[in-house]
Amino acid sequence: MPAIVGAVKVNSIGNSSVMNIGDVFQMSPTSTAKTFAGAGSFNSGDGLRIYNNQSVTNTYDTDTIDQVIVGNA
């Protein structure tokens, strides 16, 4: 069934972003990134109070490949 899309306003798109409007069969990434951050790192808002008394970020990763992007166009 086709998608019906109304008005769309795009303010900005990042360098490695994917944007799709309407129907799509498959979307594949062309780049990957791994981010390590401690507790409460990505919180946003007004008047946040975050208490992390003892926070440890585990960056030990035994696998070498997290997301395969070979063959993606």
C-alpha atoms as a PDB file:
ATOM      1  CA  MET A   1       0.000   0.000   0.000  1.00  0.00           C
ATOM      2  CA  PRO A   2       1.506   3.353  -0.969  1.00  0.00           C
ATOM      3  CA  ALA A   3       2.268   5.908   1.704  1.00  0.00           C
ATOM      4  CA  ILE A   4       0.525   9.252   1.673  1.00  0.00           C
ATOM      5  CA  VAL A   5       2.877  11.964   2.875  1.00  0.00           C
ATOM      6  CA  GLY A   6       1.800  15.485   3.705  1.00  0.00           C
ATOM      7  CA  ALA A   7       3.969  18.589   3.925  1.00  0.00           C
ATOM      8  CA  VAL A   8       7.543  17.977   5.092  1.00  0.00           C
ATOM      9  CA  LYS A   9      10.014  20.596   6.301  1.00  0.00           C
ATOM     10  CA  VAL A  10      13.642  19.526   6.686  1.00  0.00           C
ATOM     11  CA  ASN A  11      15.785  21.993   8.628  1.00  0.00           C
ATOM     12  CA  SER A  12      19.067  20.102   8.401  1.00  0.00           C
ATOM     13  CA  ILE A  13      20.506  16.657   7.785  1.00  0.00           C
ATOM     14  CA  GLY A  14      23.853  15.486   9.155  1.00  0.00           C
ATOM     15  CA  ASN A  15      26.691  14.141   7.024  1.00  0.00           C
ATOM     16  CA  SER A  16      26.001  10.459   7.680  1.00  0.00           C
ATOM     17  CA  SER A  17      22.223  10.720   8.103  1.00  0.00           C
ATOM     18  CA  VAL A  18      19.523   8.777   6.306  1.00  0.00           C
ATOM     19  CA  MET A  19      16.290  10.446   5.253  1.00  0.00           C
ATOM     20  CA  ASN A  20      13.336   8.662   3.743  1.00  0.00           C
ATOM     21  CA  ILE A  21       9.886   9.934   2.823  1.00  0.00           C
ATOM     22  CA  GLY A  22       7.337   7.374   1.696  1.00  0.00           C
ATOM     23  CA  ASP A  23       7.664   3.654   1.094  1.00  0.00           C
ATOM     24  CA  VAL A  24      10.981   1.863   1.399  1.00  0.00           C
ATOM     25  CA  PHE A  25      11.912  -1.825   1.185  1.00  0.00           C
ATOM     26  CA  GLN A  26      15.286  -1.785   2.908  1.00  0.00           C
ATOM     27  CA  MET A  27      17.617   0.876   4.288  1.00  0.00           C
ATOM     28  CA  SER A  28      21.257   0.070   4.997  1.00  0.00           C
ATOM     29  CA  PRO A  29      23.900   2.153   6.781  1.00  0.00           C
ATOM     30  CA  THR A  30      27.019   3.254   4.926  1.00  0.00           C
ATOM     31  CA  SER A  31      28.962   4.153   8.066  1.00  0.00           C
ATOM     32  CA  THR A  32      28.996   3.100  11.698  1.00  0.00           C
ATOM     33  CA  ALA A  33      30.193   4.585  14.957  1.00  0.00           C
ATOM     34  CA  LYS A  34      30.519   3.373  18.524  1.00  0.00           C
ATOM     35  CA  THR A  35      29.941   5.746  21.403  1.00  0.00           C
ATOM     36  CA  PHE A  36      30.825   5.134  25.036  1.00  0.00           C
ATOM     37  CA  ALA A  37      29.260   7.411  27.627  1.00  0.00           C
ATOM     38  CA  GLY A  38      28.654   7.289  31.338  1.00  0.00           C
ATOM     39  CA  ALA A  39      25.368   7.313  33.186  1.00  0.00           C
ATOM     40  CA  GLY A  40      23.289  10.407  32.484  1.00  0.00           C
ATOM     41  CA  SER A  41      25.468  11.558  29.580  1.00  0.00           C
ATOM     42  CA  PHE A  42      22.721  11.971  26.983  1.00  0.00           C
ATOM     43  CA  ASN A  43      20.047  13.499  29.201  1.00  0.00           C
ATOM     44  CA  SER A  44      18.660  16.798  27.996  1.00  0.00           C
ATOM     45  CA  GLY A  45      16.103  19.236  29.300  1.00  0.00           C
ATOM     46  CA  ASP A  46      15.606  22.129  31.648  1.00  0.00           C
ATOM     47  CA  GLY A  47      16.394  21.780  35.337  1.00  0.00           C
ATOM     48  CA  LEU A  48      17.806  18.253  35.336  1.00  0.00           C
ATOM     49  CA  ARG A  49      19.285  16.876  38.520  1.00  0.00           C
ATOM     50  CA  ILE A  50      21.321  13.747  37.971  1.00  0.00           C
ATOM     51  CA  TYR A  51      23.045  11.944  40.825  1.00  0.00           C
ATOM     52  CA  ASN A  52      25.606   9.341  39.795  1.00  0.00           C
ATOM     53  CA  ASN A  53      27.574   8.573  42.911  1.00  0.00           C
ATOM     54  CA  GLN A  54      29.667   5.757  41.480  1.00  0.00           C
ATOM     55  CA  SER A  55      29.364   5.492  37.717  1.00  0.00           C
ATOM     56  CA  VAL A  56      31.675   3.293  35.645  1.00  0.00           C
ATOM     57  CA  THR A  57      31.483   2.991  31.853  1.00  0.00           C
ATOM     58  CA  ASN A  58      32.511  -0.417  30.553  1.00  0.00           C
ATOM     59  CA  THR A  59      34.445   0.040  27.299  1.00  0.00           C
ATOM     60  CA  TYR A  60      35.704  -3.532  27.042  1.00  0.00           C
ATOM     61  CA  ASP A  61      34.379  -4.930  23.754  1.00  0.00           C
ATOM     62  CA  THR A  62      35.486  -8.425  22.721  1.00  0.00           C
ATOM     63  CA  ASP A  63      33.963  -8.513  19.247  1.00  0.00           C
ATOM     64  CA  THR A  64      35.722  -6.737  16.402  1.00  0.00           C
ATOM     65  CA  ILE A  65      32.711  -6.052  14.168  1.00  0.00           C
ATOM     66  CA  ASP A  66      29.471  -4.661  15.561  1.00  0.00           C
ATOM     67  CA  GLN A  67      27.612  -3.834  12.346  1.00  0.00           C
ATOM     68  CA  VAL A  68      28.660  -5.096   8.948  1.00  0.00           C
ATOM     69  CA  ILE A  69      28.348  -2.495   6.179  1.00  0.00           C
ATOM     70  CA  VAL A  70      30.152  -4.382   3.394  1.00  0.00           C
ATOM     71  CA  GLY A  71      28.146  -4.305   0.167  1.00  0.00           C
ATOM     72  CA  ASN A  72      25.834  -1.439   1.138  1.00  0.00           C
ATOM     73  CA  ALA A  73      25.406   1.137  -1.590  1.00  0.00           C
END
